[in-house]
C-alpha atoms as a PDB file:
ATOM      1  CA  MET A   1       2.190 -13.158  25.904  1.00  0.00           C
ATOM      2  CA  ASP A   2       1.774 -10.558  23.185  1.00  0.00           C
ATOM      3  CA  SER A   3       3.490 -11.228  19.847  1.00  0.00           C
ATOM      4  CA  PRO A   4       6.222  -8.919  18.509  1.00  0.00           C
ATOM      5  CA  ARG A   5       3.563  -7.316  16.349  1.00  0.00           C
ATOM      6  CA  THR A   6       2.040  -5.741  19.452  1.00  0.00           C
ATOM      7  CA  LEU A   7       4.867  -3.220  19.373  1.00  0.00           C
ATOM      8  CA  LEU A   8       2.922  -1.490  16.638  1.00  0.00           C
ATOM      9  CA  ARG A   9       0.259  -0.778  19.231  1.00  0.00           C
ATOM     10  CA  ARG A  10       2.577   1.773  20.806  1.00  0.00           C
ATOM     11  CA  VAL A  11       1.836   4.119  17.915  1.00  0.00           C
ATOM     12  CA  ALA A  12      -1.640   5.682  17.797  1.00  0.00           C
ATOM     13  CA  VAL A  13      -2.278   8.153  15.001  1.00  0.00           C
ATOM     14  CA  ALA A  14      -5.615   9.782  14.159  1.00  0.00           C
ATOM     15  CA  LEU A  15      -6.963   8.516  10.873  1.00  0.00           C
ATOM     16  CA  VAL A  16      -9.276  10.250   8.417  1.00  0.00           C
ATOM     17  CA  LEU A  17     -11.457   7.936   6.358  1.00  0.00           C
ATOM     18  CA  PRO A  18     -11.697   9.091   2.740  1.00  0.00           C
ATOM     19  CA  ALA A  19     -15.094   9.202   1.117  1.00  0.00           C
ATOM     20  CA  PRO A  20     -15.706   6.378  -1.322  1.00  0.00           C
ATOM     21  CA  LEU A  21     -15.140   7.150  -4.977  1.00  0.00           C
ATOM     22  CA  LEU A  22     -18.038   5.717  -6.983  1.00  0.00           C
ATOM     23  CA  LEU A  23     -17.954   5.567 -10.752  1.00  0.00           C
ATOM     24  CA  PRO A  24     -21.303   4.164 -11.892  1.00  0.00           C
ATOM     25  CA  VAL A  25     -21.765   2.944 -15.430  1.00  0.00           C
ATOM     26  CA  ALA A  26     -25.228   3.436 -16.847  1.00  0.00           C
ATOM     27  CA  ALA A  27     -27.135   0.224 -17.376  1.00  0.00           C
ATOM     28  CA  GLY A  28     -29.269   1.658 -20.164  1.00  0.00           C
ATOM     29  CA  ASP A  29     -26.627   2.330 -22.814  1.00  0.00           C
ATOM     30  CA  PRO A  30     -27.858   1.765 -26.397  1.00  0.00           C
ATOM     31  CA  ALA A  31     -27.060  -1.438 -28.243  1.00  0.00           C
ATOM     32  CA  PRO A  32     -23.885  -1.379 -30.354  1.00  0.00           C
ATOM     33  CA  ALA A  33     -24.226  -0.757 -34.065  1.00  0.00           C
ATOM     34  CA  ASP A  34     -23.596  -4.408 -34.946  1.00  0.00           C
ATOM     35  CA  ALA A  35     -26.344  -5.785 -32.696  1.00  0.00           C
ATOM     36  CA  ALA A  36     -28.921  -7.933 -34.468  1.00  0.00           C
ATOM     37  CA  PRO A  37     -32.098  -6.032 -35.453  1.00  0.00           C
ATOM     38  CA  GLY A  38     -34.683  -6.157 -32.718  1.00  0.00           C
ATOM     39  CA  VAL A  39     -32.248  -7.663 -30.180  1.00  0.00           C
ATOM     40  CA  ALA A  40     -31.088  -5.421 -27.357  1.00  0.00           C
ATOM     41  CA  ALA A  41     -27.466  -5.756 -26.280  1.00  0.00           C
ATOM     42  CA  ALA A  42     -26.858  -7.000 -22.759  1.00  0.00           C
ATOM     43  CA  ALA A  43     -26.602  -4.093 -20.346  1.00  0.00           C
ATOM     44  CA  PRO A  44     -23.080  -3.640 -18.970  1.00  0.00           C
ATOM     45  CA  GLN A  45     -22.625  -4.331 -15.287  1.00  0.00           C
ATOM     46  CA  ALA A  46     -22.289  -1.272 -13.112  1.00  0.00           C
ATOM     47  CA  ALA A  47     -18.794  -0.534 -11.848  1.00  0.00           C
ATOM     48  CA  ASP A  48     -17.118   1.611  -9.243  1.00  0.00           C
ATOM     49  CA  ALA A  49     -13.543   2.315  -8.128  1.00  0.00           C
ATOM     50  CA  CYS A  50     -13.188  -1.338  -7.057  1.00  0.00           C
ATOM     51  CA  GLY A  51     -14.287  -2.652 -10.466  1.00  0.00           C
ATOM     52  CA  THR A  52     -17.471  -4.596 -11.181  1.00  0.00           C
ATOM     53  CA  ARG A  53     -20.079  -3.963  -8.509  1.00  0.00           C
ATOM     54  CA  ARG A  54     -20.559  -6.768  -5.989  1.00  0.00           C
ATOM     55  CA  THR A  55     -23.809  -7.643  -4.277  1.00  0.00           C
ATOM     56  CA  LYS A  56     -24.430  -8.684  -0.678  1.00  0.00           C
ATOM     57  CA  ALA A  57     -26.461 -11.770   0.179  1.00  0.00           C
ATOM     58  CA  ASN A  58     -29.504  -9.533   0.743  1.00  0.00           C
ATOM     59  CA  GLY A  59     -29.250  -8.110  -2.779  1.00  0.00           C
ATOM     60  CA  VAL A  60     -27.879  -4.717  -1.742  1.00  0.00           C
ATOM     61  CA  ALA A  61     -24.750  -3.608  -3.597  1.00  0.00           C
ATOM     62  CA  TRP A  62     -21.483  -3.311  -1.716  1.00  0.00           C
ATOM     63  CA  ARG A  63     -20.030   0.210  -1.917  1.00  0.00           C
ATOM     64  CA  CYS A  64     -16.332   0.599  -2.677  1.00  0.00           C
ATOM     65  CA  SER A  65     -14.495   2.328   0.169  1.00  0.00           C
ATOM     66  CA  PHE A  66     -10.824   1.718  -0.750  1.00  0.00           C
ATOM     67  CA  SER A  67      -8.985   0.579  -3.864  1.00  0.00           C
ATOM     68  CA  ASP A  68      -5.369   0.516  -4.991  1.00  0.00           C
ATOM     69  CA  ASP A  69      -4.212  -1.361  -8.103  1.00  0.00           C
ATOM     70  CA  PHE A  70      -0.630  -0.068  -7.752  1.00  0.00           C
ATOM     71  CA  SER A  71      -0.676   1.336 -11.273  1.00  0.00           C
ATOM     72  CA  GLY A  72       1.862   4.094 -10.640  1.00  0.00           C
ATOM     73  CA  SER A  73       5.628   4.103 -10.355  1.00  0.00           C
ATOM     74  CA  SER A  74       5.800   4.698  -6.600  1.00  0.00           C
ATOM     75  CA  LEU A  75       3.743   4.081  -3.473  1.00  0.00           C
ATOM     76  CA  ASP A  76       0.658   6.303  -3.295  1.00  0.00           C
ATOM     77  CA  ARG A  77       1.304   8.218  -0.078  1.00  0.00           C
ATOM     78  CA  ASP A  78      -2.287   9.462  -0.088  1.00  0.00           C
ATOM     79  CA  LYS A  79      -3.326   5.851   0.582  1.00  0.00           C
ATOM     80  CA  TRP A  80      -0.363   4.273   2.377  1.00  0.00           C
ATOM     81  CA  ALA A  81       2.374   5.004   4.879  1.00  0.00           C
ATOM     82  CA  VAL A  82       5.536   2.977   5.435  1.00  0.00           C
ATOM     83  CA  THR A  83       6.218   1.422   8.823  1.00  0.00           C
ATOM     84  CA  THR A  84       9.803   1.825  10.025  1.00  0.00           C
ATOM     85  CA  THR A  85      11.485   0.323  13.051  1.00  0.00           C
ATOM     86  CA  ALA A  86      13.064   3.707  13.789  1.00  0.00           C
ATOM     87  CA  GLU A  87       9.633   5.306  14.290  1.00  0.00           C
ATOM     88  CA  THR A  88       7.672   2.484  15.910  1.00  0.00           C
ATOM     89  CA  GLY A  89      10.092  -0.090  17.321  1.00  0.00           C
ATOM     90  CA  TYR A  90       8.256  -2.674  15.222  1.00  0.00           C
ATOM     91  CA  ARG A  91      10.116  -5.802  14.129  1.00  0.00           C
ATOM     92  CA  LEU A  92       9.246  -9.461  13.799  1.00  0.00           C
ATOM     93  CA  ALA A  93      12.758 -10.804  14.332  1.00  0.00           C
ATOM     94  CA  ASP A  94      16.160  -9.255  13.648  1.00  0.00           C
ATOM     95  CA  GLU A  95      15.166  -7.281  10.557  1.00  0.00           C
ATOM     96  CA  CYS A  96      15.033  -3.486  10.338  1.00  0.00           C
ATOM     97  CA  PHE A  97      11.937  -2.105   8.631  1.00  0.00           C
ATOM     98  CA  VAL A  98      12.981   0.876   6.528  1.00  0.00           C
ATOM     99  CA  ASP A  99      11.414   3.266   4.042  1.00  0.00           C
ATOM    100  CA  ASP A 100      13.350   3.069   0.788  1.00  0.00           C
ATOM    101  CA  ARG A 101      12.949   1.622  -2.695  1.00  0.00           C
ATOM    102  CA  THR A 102      14.910  -1.515  -1.851  1.00  0.00           C
ATOM    103  CA  THR A 103      12.186  -2.591   0.586  1.00  0.00           C
ATOM    104  CA  VAL A 104       9.016  -0.813  -0.631  1.00  0.00           C
ATOM    105  CA  ALA A 105       8.547  -0.292  -4.367  1.00  0.00           C
ATOM    106  CA  VAL A 106       5.756  -0.071  -6.941  1.00  0.00           C
ATOM    107  CA  SER A 107       6.235  -1.020 -10.592  1.00  0.00           C
ATOM    108  CA  GLY A 108       4.496  -3.001 -13.301  1.00  0.00           C
ATOM    109  CA  GLY A 109       1.147  -2.829 -11.520  1.00  0.00           C
ATOM    110  CA  LYS A 110       2.444  -4.411  -8.324  1.00  0.00           C
ATOM    111  CA  LEU A 111       3.513  -3.400  -4.836  1.00  0.00           C
ATOM    112  CA  ARG A 112       6.756  -5.142  -3.892  1.00  0.00           C
ATOM    113  CA  LEU A 113       7.716  -5.556  -0.234  1.00  0.00           C
ATOM    114  CA  THR A 114      11.201  -7.003   0.170  1.00  0.00           C
ATOM    115  CA  ALA A 115      13.309  -8.536   2.912  1.00  0.00           C
ATOM    116  CA  ARG A 116      16.948  -8.022   1.910  1.00  0.00           C
ATOM    117  CA  ARG A 117      20.268  -9.169   3.309  1.00  0.00           C
ATOM    118  CA  LEU A 118      22.877  -6.396   3.470  1.00  0.00           C
ATOM    119  CA  PRO A 119      26.544  -6.894   2.571  1.00  0.00           C
ATOM    120  CA  THR A 120      27.552  -5.870   6.089  1.00  0.00           C
ATOM    121  CA  ALA A 121      25.754  -5.324   9.365  1.00  0.00           C
ATOM    122  CA  ARG A 122      24.214  -1.937  10.127  1.00  0.00           C
ATOM    123  CA  THR A 123      22.729  -0.375  13.241  1.00  0.00           C
ATOM    124  CA  CYS A 124      18.949  -0.283  13.315  1.00  0.00           C
ATOM    125  CA  THR A 125      17.359   2.395  15.479  1.00  0.00           C
ATOM    126  CA  ASP A 126      14.740   0.902  17.797  1.00  0.00           C
ATOM    127  CA  PRO A 127      13.116   3.344  20.262  1.00  0.00           C
ATOM    128  CA  VAL A 128      11.302   0.537  22.109  1.00  0.00           C
ATOM    129  CA  SER A 129      13.795  -2.293  22.658  1.00  0.00           C
ATOM    130  CA  GLY A 130      17.030  -0.445  21.984  1.00  0.00           C
ATOM    131  CA  ASN A 131      19.233  -0.173  18.902  1.00  0.00           C
ATOM    132  CA  PHE A 132      20.624  -3.381  17.434  1.00  0.00           C
ATOM    133  CA  ALA A 133      22.915  -4.606  14.665  1.00  0.00           C
ATOM    134  CA  THR A 134      21.397  -6.437  11.711  1.00  0.00           C
ATOM    135  CA  ARG A 135      22.167  -7.521   8.187  1.00  0.00           C
ATOM    136  CA  TRP A 136      18.499  -7.513   7.147  1.00  0.00           C
ATOM    137  CA  THR A 137      16.096  -4.772   6.050  1.00  0.00           C
ATOM    138  CA  ALA A 138      12.397  -5.364   5.369  1.00  0.00           C
ATOM    139  CA  GLY A 139       9.260  -3.714   3.981  1.00  0.00           C
ATOM    140  CA  MET A 140       5.875  -2.930   5.488  1.00  0.00           C
ATOM    141  CA  VAL A 141       3.035  -0.513   4.648  1.00  0.00           C
ATOM    142  CA  HIS A 142      -0.227   0.449   6.348  1.00  0.00           C
ATOM    143  CA  THR A 143      -3.233   2.729   5.888  1.00  0.00           C
ATOM    144  CA  ARG A 144      -3.198   4.400   9.309  1.00  0.00           C
ATOM    145  CA  GLY A 145      -3.902   8.073   8.737  1.00  0.00           C
ATOM    146  CA  GLN A 146      -5.431   7.309   5.320  1.00  0.00           C
ATOM    147  CA  PHE A 147      -8.141   4.637   5.628  1.00  0.00           C
ATOM    148  CA  SER A 148      -9.840   2.535   8.288  1.00  0.00           C
ATOM    149  CA  GLN A 149     -13.148   0.710   8.498  1.00  0.00           C
ATOM    150  CA  SER A 150     -15.202  -1.553  10.734  1.00  0.00           C
ATOM    151  CA  TYR A 151     -17.120  -4.381   9.079  1.00  0.00           C
ATOM    152  CA  GLY A 152     -17.305  -4.898   5.339  1.00  0.00           C
ATOM    153  CA  LEU A 153     -15.665  -6.904   2.576  1.00  0.00           C
ATOM    154  CA  TYR A 154     -11.904  -6.840   1.945  1.00  0.00           C
ATOM    155  CA  GLU A 155      -9.899  -8.454  -0.841  1.00  0.00           C
ATOM    156  CA  ILE A 156      -6.141  -8.642  -1.435  1.00  0.00           C
ATOM    157  CA  ARG A 157      -4.424 -10.424  -4.319  1.00  0.00           C
ATOM    158  CA  ALA A 158      -0.849 -11.327  -3.501  1.00  0.00           C
ATOM    159  CA  ARG A 159       2.033 -13.708  -4.122  1.00  0.00           C
ATOM    160  CA  PHE A 160       4.382 -14.676  -1.299  1.00  0.00           C
ATOM    161  CA  PRO A 161       8.087 -15.371  -1.892  1.00  0.00           C
ATOM    162  CA  ALA A 162       8.610 -18.748  -3.569  1.00  0.00           C
ATOM    163  CA  ILE A 163      11.009 -19.921  -0.869  1.00  0.00           C
ATOM    164  CA  GLN A 164      10.471 -23.260   0.854  1.00  0.00           C
ATOM    165  CA  GLN A 165      12.799 -23.112   3.813  1.00  0.00           C
ATOM    166  CA  PRO A 166      12.737 -21.362   7.190  1.00  0.00           C
ATOM    167  CA  GLY A 167      13.313 -17.646   7.394  1.00  0.00           C
ATOM    168  CA  LEU A 168      10.404 -15.574   6.067  1.00  0.00           C
ATOM    169  CA  HIS A 169       7.165 -14.271   7.542  1.00  0.00           C
ATOM    170  CA  SER A 170       4.619 -12.619   5.224  1.00  0.00           C
ATOM    171  CA  ALA A 171       1.297 -11.175   6.413  1.00  0.00           C
ATOM    172  CA  LEU A 172      -1.867  -9.456   5.161  1.00  0.00           C
ATOM    173  CA  TRP A 173      -3.651  -8.176   8.256  1.00  0.00           C
ATOM    174  CA  PHE A 174      -5.766  -5.533   9.985  1.00  0.00           C
ATOM    175  CA  TYR A 175      -5.002  -3.580  13.135  1.00  0.00           C
ATOM    176  CA  PRO A 176      -7.046  -1.180  15.307  1.00  0.00           C
ATOM    177  CA  GLU A 177      -7.008   2.447  14.249  1.00  0.00           C
ATOM    178  CA  LYS A 178      -6.681   3.278  17.953  1.00  0.00           C
ATOM    179  CA  PHE A 179      -6.431   1.230  21.125  1.00  0.00           C
ATOM    180  CA  TRP A 180     -10.138   1.501  21.744  1.00  0.00           C
ATOM    181  CA  TYR A 181     -10.050  -1.097  24.535  1.00  0.00           C
ATOM    182  CA  GLY A 182      -6.431  -0.726  25.595  1.00  0.00           C
ATOM    183  CA  PRO A 183      -3.193  -2.322  24.335  1.00  0.00           C
ATOM    184  CA  GLY A 184      -3.540  -6.060  23.955  1.00  0.00           C
ATOM    185  CA  ALA A 185      -7.335  -6.003  24.214  1.00  0.00           C
ATOM    186  CA  SER A 186      -8.231  -4.092  21.058  1.00  0.00           C
ATOM    187  CA  GLY A 187      -7.781  -7.065  18.741  1.00  0.00           C
ATOM    188  CA  GLU A 188      -6.022  -8.000  15.512  1.00  0.00           C
ATOM    189  CA  ILE A 189      -7.353  -9.667  12.360  1.00  0.00           C
ATOM    190  CA  ASP A 190      -4.930 -11.756  10.309  1.00  0.00           C
ATOM    191  CA  LEU A 191      -6.426 -12.363   6.892  1.00  0.00           C
ATOM    192  CA  VAL A 192      -3.429 -14.560   6.136  1.00  0.00           C
ATOM    193  CA  GLU A 193       0.023 -15.208   7.519  1.00  0.00           C
ATOM    194  CA  HIS A 194       2.577 -17.264   5.620  1.00  0.00           C
ATOM    195  CA  TYR A 195       5.644 -18.883   7.173  1.00  0.00           C
ATOM    196  CA  SER A 196       8.184 -20.064   4.613  1.00  0.00           C
ATOM    197  CA  PHE A 197       8.996 -23.292   6.466  1.00  0.00           C
ATOM    198  CA  MET A 198       5.375 -24.375   5.748  1.00  0.00           C
ATOM    199  CA  PRO A 199       5.275 -23.367   2.065  1.00  0.00           C
ATOM    200  CA  ARG A 200       1.693 -24.354   1.187  1.00  0.00           C
ATOM    201  CA  ARG A 201      -0.029 -23.538   4.453  1.00  0.00           C
ATOM    202  CA  VAL A 202      -1.640 -20.115   4.938  1.00  0.00           C
ATOM    203  CA  ILE A 203      -3.035 -19.154   8.324  1.00  0.00           C
ATOM    204  CA  PRO A 204      -5.976 -16.857   9.188  1.00  0.00           C
ATOM    205  CA  SER A 205      -6.312 -15.756  12.813  1.00  0.00           C
ATOM    206  CA  LEU A 206      -8.176 -13.564  15.289  1.00  0.00           C
ATOM    207  CA  LEU A 207      -6.111 -12.208  18.154  1.00  0.00           C
ATOM    208  CA  TYR A 208      -7.910 -10.825  21.209  1.00  0.00           C
ATOM    209  CA  ARG A 209      -8.493 -11.676  24.862  1.00  0.00           C
ATOM    210  CA  PRO A 210     -11.063 -14.487  24.835  1.00  0.00           C
ATOM    211  CA  ALA A 211     -13.405 -15.335  27.681  1.00  0.00           C
ATOM    212  CA  THR A 212     -12.209 -18.951  27.550  1.00  0.00           C
ATOM    213  CA  PRO A 213      -9.322 -20.628  25.691  1.00  0.00           C
ATOM    214  CA  VAL A 214     -10.355 -21.058  22.056  1.00  0.00           C
ATOM    215  CA  GLN A 215      -8.813 -21.995  18.721  1.00  0.00           C
ATOM    216  CA  GLN A 216      -8.007 -18.580  17.272  1.00  0.00           C
ATOM    217  CA  SER A 217      -6.490 -19.713  13.967  1.00  0.00           C
ATOM    218  CA  GLY A 218      -7.806 -21.567  10.937  1.00  0.00           C
ATOM    219  CA  PRO A 219      -6.085 -24.978  11.005  1.00  0.00           C
ATOM    220  CA  GLY A 220      -6.662 -26.263   7.483  1.00  0.00           C
ATOM    221  CA  CYS A 221      -6.031 -23.539   4.913  1.00  0.00           C
ATOM    222  CA  PHE A 222      -3.657 -24.205   2.004  1.00  0.00           C
ATOM    223  CA  ILE A 223      -2.679 -22.784  -1.372  1.00  0.00           C
ATOM    224  CA  ASP A 224      -1.629 -24.928  -4.318  1.00  0.00           C
ATOM    225  CA  SER A 225       1.514 -23.016  -5.303  1.00  0.00           C
ATOM    226  CA  LEU A 226       3.806 -20.184  -4.276  1.00  0.00           C
ATOM    227  CA  LEU A 227       4.499 -19.426  -7.940  1.00  0.00           C
ATOM    228  CA  THR A 228       1.120 -17.847  -8.643  1.00  0.00           C
ATOM    229  CA  PHE A 229      -0.971 -15.025  -7.210  1.00  0.00           C
ATOM    230  CA  HIS A 230      -3.813 -15.905  -4.852  1.00  0.00           C
ATOM    231  CA  THR A 231      -6.887 -13.936  -3.831  1.00  0.00           C
ATOM    232  CA  TYR A 232      -7.530 -13.552  -0.105  1.00  0.00           C
ATOM    233  CA  GLN A 233     -10.884 -12.209   1.054  1.00  0.00           C
ATOM    234  CA  LEU A 234     -12.370 -11.280   4.428  1.00  0.00           C
ATOM    235  CA  GLU A 235     -16.060 -10.698   5.098  1.00  0.00           C
ATOM    236  CA  TRP A 236     -16.436  -9.060   8.492  1.00  0.00           C
ATOM    237  CA  THR A 237     -19.853  -8.695  10.145  1.00  0.00           C
ATOM    238  CA  PRO A 238     -20.809  -7.825  13.745  1.00  0.00           C
ATOM    239  CA  THR A 239     -21.066 -11.543  14.537  1.00  0.00           C
ATOM    240  CA  ARG A 240     -18.646 -13.383  12.239  1.00  0.00           C
ATOM    241  CA  MET A 241     -15.339 -13.295  10.355  1.00  0.00           C
ATOM    242  CA  THR A 242     -15.147 -15.394   7.188  1.00  0.00           C
ATOM    243  CA  MET A 243     -11.866 -15.822   5.290  1.00  0.00           C
ATOM    244  CA  THR A 244     -12.056 -17.045   1.695  1.00  0.00           C
ATOM    245  CA  TYR A 245      -8.997 -18.035  -0.348  1.00  0.00           C
ATOM    246  CA  ASP A 246      -9.235 -18.223  -4.150  1.00  0.00           C
ATOM    247  CA  GLY A 247     -13.017 -18.220  -3.910  1.00  0.00           C
ATOM    248  CA  LYS A 248     -13.161 -21.115  -1.440  1.00  0.00           C
ATOM    249  CA  PRO A 249     -14.302 -20.490   2.167  1.00  0.00           C
ATOM    250  CA  CYS A 250     -11.407 -21.440   4.419  1.00  0.00           C
ATOM    251  CA  TRP A 251     -12.281 -20.385   7.963  1.00  0.00           C
ATOM    252  CA  SER A 252     -15.265 -18.765   9.636  1.00  0.00           C
ATOM    253  CA  THR A 253     -15.465 -17.852  13.299  1.00  0.00           C
ATOM    254  CA  SER A 254     -17.286 -15.807  15.906  1.00  0.00           C
ATOM    255  CA  TRP A 255     -15.673 -14.434  19.074  1.00  0.00           C
ATOM    256  CA  THR A 256     -16.435 -14.072  22.772  1.00  0.00           C
ATOM    257  CA  PRO A 257     -14.168 -11.554  24.511  1.00  0.00           C
ATOM    258  CA  ALA A 258     -13.181 -11.620  28.145  1.00  0.00           C
ATOM    259  CA  ALA A 259     -15.080  -9.342  30.555  1.00  0.00           C
ATOM    260  CA  PRO A 260     -15.709  -6.486  30.732  1.00  0.00           C
ATOM    261  CA  LEU A 261     -16.043  -6.575  26.931  1.00  0.00           C
ATOM    262  CA  THR A 262     -18.970  -8.222  25.176  1.00  0.00           C
ATOM    263  CA  ALA A 263     -19.273  -9.077  21.493  1.00  0.00           C
ATOM    264  CA  PRO A 264     -19.075  -7.550  18.973  1.00  0.00           C
ATOM    265  CA  ALA A 265     -16.209  -5.819  20.833  1.00  0.00           C
ATOM    266  CA  PRO A 266     -13.311  -5.627  20.234  1.00  0.00           C
ATOM    267  CA  PHE A 267     -14.082  -6.091  16.535  1.00  0.00           C
ATOM    268  CA  ASP A 268     -16.610  -3.272  16.363  1.00  0.00           C
ATOM    269  CA  ARG A 269     -14.276  -0.352  15.756  1.00  0.00           C
ATOM    270  CA  PRO A 270     -12.298   0.792  12.688  1.00  0.00           C
ATOM    271  CA  PHE A 271      -9.185  -1.182  11.733  1.00  0.00           C
ATOM    272  CA  VAL A 272      -6.421  -0.250   9.306  1.00  0.00           C
ATOM    273  CA  THR A 273      -4.928  -2.457   6.586  1.00  0.00           C
ATOM    274  CA  VAL A 274      -1.326  -3.662   6.968  1.00  0.00           C
ATOM    275  CA  LEU A 275       0.944  -5.552   4.513  1.00  0.00           C
ATOM    276  CA  THR A 276       4.199  -7.006   5.841  1.00  0.00           C
ATOM    277  CA  GLN A 277       7.230  -8.851   4.495  1.00  0.00           C
ATOM    278  CA  GLY A 278       9.652  -9.632   7.289  1.00  0.00           C
ATOM    279  CA  LEU A 279      11.762 -12.405   8.771  1.00  0.00           C
ATOM    280  CA  GLY A 280      10.685 -15.445  10.738  1.00  0.00           C
ATOM    281  CA  SER A 281      11.684 -16.434  14.243  1.00  0.00           C
ATOM    282  CA  GLY A 282      11.816 -19.568  16.393  1.00  0.00           C
ATOM    283  CA  VAL A 283      11.408 -22.685  14.231  1.00  0.00           C
ATOM    284  CA  ASN A 284      11.021 -20.329  11.259  1.00  0.00           C
ATOM    285  CA  ALA A 285      14.228 -18.383  11.916  1.00  0.00           C
ATOM    286  CA  PRO A 286      16.473 -17.717   8.891  1.00  0.00           C
ATOM    287  CA  GLY A 287      18.872 -20.530   8.034  1.00  0.00           C
ATOM    288  CA  PRO A 288      22.290 -20.197   6.376  1.00  0.00           C
ATOM    289  CA  TYR A 289      20.927 -20.903   2.874  1.00  0.00           C
ATOM    290  CA  LEU A 290      18.057 -18.419   2.889  1.00  0.00           C
ATOM    291  CA  PRO A 291      18.285 -16.313  -0.312  1.00  0.00           C
ATOM    292  CA  GLY A 292      19.411 -12.750   0.258  1.00  0.00           C
ATOM    293  CA  VAL A 293      16.364 -11.170  -1.428  1.00  0.00           C
ATOM    294  CA  ALA A 294      12.740 -12.224  -0.841  1.00  0.00           C
ATOM    295  CA  THR A 295       9.801 -10.233  -2.193  1.00  0.00           C
ATOM    296  CA  MET A 296       6.073 -10.363  -1.574  1.00  0.00           C
ATOM    297  CA  GLU A 297       4.082  -8.918  -4.486  1.00  0.00           C
ATOM    298  CA  VAL A 298       0.600  -7.417  -4.182  1.00  0.00           C
ATOM    299  CA  GLU A 299      -1.580  -6.789  -7.260  1.00  0.00           C
ATOM    300  CA  TYR A 300      -4.387  -4.941  -5.530  1.00  0.00           C
ATOM    301  CA  VAL A 301      -6.090  -4.110  -2.245  1.00  0.00           C
ATOM    302  CA  ARG A 302      -9.831  -3.383  -2.193  1.00  0.00           C
ATOM    303  CA  ALA A 303     -12.482  -2.796   0.441  1.00  0.00           C
ATOM    304  CA  TRP A 304     -16.246  -2.383   0.418  1.00  0.00           C
ATOM    305  CA  HIS A 305     -18.873  -1.511   3.017  1.00  0.00           C
END
């Protein structure tokens, strides 16, 4: 059965991929005035919009295709859009995703996505499942209509809410730009999902229709603390997905889709980037002592190809 996130698949919007912004730094700059006579200063490393240039295993430089360090005072709408339940019907549990500064905010060099308990219940518009009453709002952003990419290197530095009881679901993930192979068959890439009732565990996953039952999630990935930021990285090739957390490889997998698809489908088409802070459900449903405000913070999002 499809997860609640599949409701997002009901919305298909054309997306224009921006050209990469490259800012090379010359490697042949002269030595500084205080350099020792006859000793050349070390050449600075080249940089681009993603920072210091990175190199692939074959020695070829990665090219920056997307970068946001959240240095402004509001969400950059040229890079991101806000998901709302009213437009898409998307919800993880009983929260209402809305577009306002209480749920989606940028300040101090960070994106803040917040799940917030309201003083009283309100009606949330849901065009898919029908309107419902809730005391929770939540925050979610995506790059549909701004940026998508197939294959490449992706890196997100984030801190999940430091709450160690049931109730919260945080996610850094990628979703098809369009339903290239139909709803439910076009795939989903979860760089990391975090459920607050398992405070140190972080879960990478591939969701698609496999040819045979397979383990689709990384079973042994952990972080040492919810109090600090962690760096989550995905390297996506035509044959393999590799998730690395804080510089340590965590999970690597290939995929074999059900007929009529053959690999590398469905992971051979452009996907968009999605960041979500919502509520949990089932064994991770909110309990009576869940704090009324829970915020996921993101320091940066970067992509290379």
